[in-house]
Protein backbone atom coordinates (compact mmCIF):
# COMPACT_ATOMS: atom_id res chain seq x y z
CA MET A 1 16.19 22.49 4.35
CA SER A 2 18.74 19.71 4.50
CA GLY A 3 18.18 16.19 3.18
CA SER A 4 17.96 14.77 6.69
CA ASP A 5 15.40 17.46 7.63
CA LEU A 6 13.30 16.45 4.62
CA LEU A 7 13.52 12.76 5.55
CA GLU A 8 12.52 13.53 9.12
CA ARG A 9 9.58 15.64 7.93
CA MET A 10 8.35 12.96 5.50
CA SER A 11 8.73 10.25 8.15
CA LYS A 12 6.68 12.29 10.63
CA LEU A 13 4.02 12.97 7.99
CA LEU A 14 3.74 9.25 7.24
CA THR A 15 3.60 8.30 10.92
CA ASP A 16 0.95 10.92 11.65
CA THR A 17 -1.12 9.92 8.61
CA PHE A 18 -1.14 6.17 9.26
CA THR A 19 -1.46 6.45 13.05
CA LYS A 20 -5.03 7.64 12.45
CA LEU A 21 -5.88 4.87 9.98
CA ILE A 22 -4.28 1.64 11.14
CA PRO A 23 -6.17 0.12 14.07
CA ARG A 24 -4.09 -1.36 16.84
CA GLU A 25 -6.80 -3.52 18.40
CA GLN A 26 -7.09 -5.89 15.43
CA PRO A 27 -4.54 -8.07 13.63
CA ILE A 28 -3.20 -6.79 10.33
CA ALA A 29 -1.88 -8.37 7.16
CA LEU A 30 0.84 -6.80 5.03
CA VAL A 31 0.53 -8.21 1.53
CA GLY A 32 2.48 -7.84 -1.68
CA PHE A 33 6.10 -8.50 -0.73
CA PRO A 34 8.02 -7.50 -3.88
CA GLU A 35 9.55 -10.39 -5.78
CA THR A 36 11.49 -8.18 -8.15
CA ALA A 37 15.04 -6.96 -8.63
CA ASN A 38 13.83 -3.36 -8.21
CA CYS A 39 15.58 -2.10 -5.08
CA GLY A 40 13.03 0.74 -4.79
CA ASP A 41 10.24 -1.80 -4.22
CA HIS A 42 12.28 -3.40 -1.45
CA ALA A 43 13.07 -0.02 0.15
CA THR A 44 9.34 0.73 0.16
CA TRP A 45 8.60 -2.66 1.79
CA LEU A 46 11.24 -2.02 4.45
CA GLY A 47 9.74 1.43 5.02
CA GLU A 48 6.31 -0.16 5.49
CA LYS A 49 7.79 -2.58 8.03
CA ARG A 50 9.52 0.31 9.83
CA LEU A 51 6.24 2.26 9.97
CA LEU A 52 4.45 -0.70 11.54
CA ALA A 53 7.27 -1.14 14.06
CA GLU A 54 7.12 2.54 15.02
CA LEU A 55 3.34 2.31 15.41
CA GLY A 56 3.71 -0.83 17.52
CA VAL A 57 1.57 -2.84 15.11
CA PRO A 58 2.91 -6.33 14.41
CA SER A 59 1.73 -8.00 11.23
CA ALA A 60 -0.10 -11.27 11.83
CA TYR A 61 0.29 -12.29 8.18
CA GLU A 62 2.67 -11.31 5.37
CA CYS A 63 2.92 -12.63 1.84
CA SER A 64 3.98 -12.07 -1.72
CA ALA A 65 1.66 -12.63 -4.66
CA HIS A 66 3.09 -16.16 -4.99
CA SER A 67 2.92 -17.14 -1.32
CA TYR A 68 -0.59 -15.74 -0.75
CA ASP A 69 -2.91 -18.21 0.97
CA PRO A 70 -6.38 -16.72 1.59
CA ASP A 71 -7.36 -19.40 4.12
CA GLU A 72 -4.19 -18.88 6.15
CA MET A 73 -4.66 -15.10 5.99
CA ARG A 74 -8.29 -15.42 7.09
CA ARG A 75 -7.22 -17.51 10.11
CA ALA A 76 -4.49 -15.00 10.98
CA ILE A 77 -6.44 -11.76 10.74
CA ALA A 78 -10.18 -12.62 10.73
CA ALA A 79 -11.85 -9.18 10.42
CA GLY A 80 -8.54 -7.32 10.74
CA THR A 81 -7.05 -4.73 8.43
CA ILE A 82 -5.23 -5.50 5.18
CA LEU A 83 -2.31 -3.29 4.21
CA MET A 84 -1.22 -3.55 0.59
CA HIS A 85 2.36 -2.84 -0.44
CA GLY A 86 2.87 0.48 -2.21
CA GLY A 87 5.24 1.44 -4.98
CA SER A 88 4.66 1.82 -8.68
CA ASN A 89 2.86 -1.37 -9.62
CA PHE A 90 -0.77 -0.20 -9.49
CA GLY A 91 -2.21 -0.44 -12.97
CA ASP A 92 -1.84 -2.40 -16.16
CA ARG A 93 1.94 -2.09 -16.58
CA HIS A 94 2.47 -4.68 -13.84
CA THR A 95 -0.57 -6.91 -14.26
CA ALA A 96 0.60 -9.79 -12.04
CA TYR A 97 0.87 -7.57 -8.96
CA HIS A 98 -2.26 -5.68 -9.83
CA GLU A 99 -4.30 -8.83 -10.38
CA PHE A 100 -3.05 -10.14 -7.03
CA ARG A 101 -4.25 -6.96 -5.32
CA LEU A 102 -7.67 -7.33 -6.94
CA ARG A 103 -7.86 -10.99 -5.89
CA VAL A 104 -7.21 -10.05 -2.26
CA LEU A 105 -9.95 -7.40 -2.42
CA ASP A 106 -12.32 -9.98 -3.88
CA ASP A 107 -11.34 -12.61 -1.29
CA PHE A 108 -11.80 -10.18 1.64
CA PRO A 109 -14.85 -8.04 0.80
CA ASN A 110 -15.53 -7.01 4.42
CA ASN A 111 -12.05 -6.19 5.72
CA LYS A 112 -10.71 -2.67 5.93
CA VAL A 113 -8.05 -2.24 3.21
CA ILE A 114 -5.34 0.40 3.00
CA VAL A 115 -3.30 0.54 -0.18
CA PHE A 116 0.03 2.18 0.67
CA PRO A 117 1.20 5.07 -1.57
CA HIS A 118 1.50 4.28 -5.26
CA GLN A 119 2.38 5.86 -8.53
CA VAL A 120 -0.40 4.65 -10.81
CA THR A 121 -0.07 3.87 -14.50
CA TYR A 122 -2.94 2.81 -16.72
CA LEU A 123 -2.20 2.41 -20.39
CA ASP A 124 -5.62 0.96 -21.21
CA ASN A 125 -8.86 2.49 -19.92
CA ASP A 126 -10.64 -0.82 -20.54
CA TYR A 127 -8.42 -2.31 -17.82
CA LEU A 128 -9.18 0.57 -15.48
CA GLN A 129 -12.97 0.02 -15.51
CA PRO A 130 -13.07 -3.46 -13.90
CA THR A 131 -10.57 -2.30 -11.27
CA SER A 132 -12.74 0.68 -10.49
CA ALA A 133 -15.87 -1.48 -10.28
CA LEU A 134 -14.28 -4.02 -7.91
CA ILE A 135 -12.80 -1.39 -5.62
CA GLY A 136 -16.05 0.59 -5.75
CA ARG A 137 -17.98 -2.44 -4.42
CA HIS A 138 -15.67 -2.80 -1.44
CA PRO A 139 -17.05 -0.88 1.59
CA ASP A 140 -13.74 0.24 3.15
CA VAL A 141 -10.78 0.93 0.87
CA THR A 142 -8.32 3.79 1.21
CA LEU A 143 -5.98 4.35 -1.73
CA PHE A 144 -2.84 6.43 -1.24
CA ALA A 145 -1.24 8.27 -4.14
CA ARG A 146 2.39 9.42 -4.23
CA SER A 147 1.71 12.35 -6.57
CA LEU A 148 -1.05 14.87 -7.24
CA MET A 149 -1.50 13.49 -10.75
CA THR A 150 -2.10 10.00 -9.36
CA GLN A 151 -4.40 11.35 -6.66
CA HIS A 152 -6.53 13.10 -9.31
CA LEU A 153 -6.60 9.99 -11.51
CA LEU A 154 -7.71 7.79 -8.60
CA ALA A 155 -10.31 10.28 -7.38
CA ARG A 156 -11.76 10.65 -10.88
CA HIS A 157 -12.02 6.92 -11.56
CA PHE A 158 -12.69 5.48 -8.13
CA GLY A 159 -15.18 8.11 -7.11
CA PRO A 160 -16.80 8.94 -3.82
CA SER A 161 -17.06 5.34 -2.55
CA THR A 162 -13.28 5.06 -2.19
CA ARG A 163 -11.17 7.29 0.01
CA VAL A 164 -8.18 8.69 -1.93
CA GLU A 165 -5.33 10.37 -0.02
CA LEU A 166 -1.90 11.78 -0.82
CA ALA A 167 1.26 10.61 0.98
CA PRO A 168 4.93 10.18 0.14
CA ASP A 169 6.57 6.84 -0.55
CA LEU A 170 7.10 4.78 2.58
CA ALA A 171 10.80 4.39 1.73
CA PHE A 172 11.13 7.76 3.51
CA MET A 173 10.62 5.84 6.77
CA LEU A 174 14.12 4.40 6.34
CA GLY A 175 15.72 7.76 7.11
CA PRO A 176 19.22 8.71 6.00
CA GLN A 177 21.20 5.88 4.42
CA LYS A 178 24.98 5.70 4.32
CA ARG A 179 26.60 5.23 0.95
CA SER A 180 29.52 2.93 0.60
CA ALA A 181 32.58 4.52 -0.95
CA ASP A 182 33.41 3.21 -4.41
């Protein structure tokens, strides 16, 4: 299998997976724009935007952790779906992003929430427990893991009240990228 075949396969898998989950009849919010120098986080964000474009789902509200305004988001999406940026910042290694995600869940307890694929890292189980409790209280959260290890960790700690699925990183939606010659 060539690299472009793999990219096409992963892109189709992502499109098929999220087509079933992201409603088109309601407005959506895409939250968690990465404010980092990590180009992988930005590739994932661009992949998320490409997925939404391919699904024909415009975002009614987008924000970073710093530009988040719950009142503005509430006006923009009402009872719509919240999509949270994926990547590798779920857990206690990147507390600012993680705390932001928890704040959004707390601010919107009745909205459907989909957390795009993550690689999860918890260094402290005491930090994991409050996260698990908050997510467990929310009636409609789907967490996506980028690896089997992460999927097992999430399933074990977030239990039956939270849907846990496996999917590749959304950067795959970008397809083949040309390299500049050095």
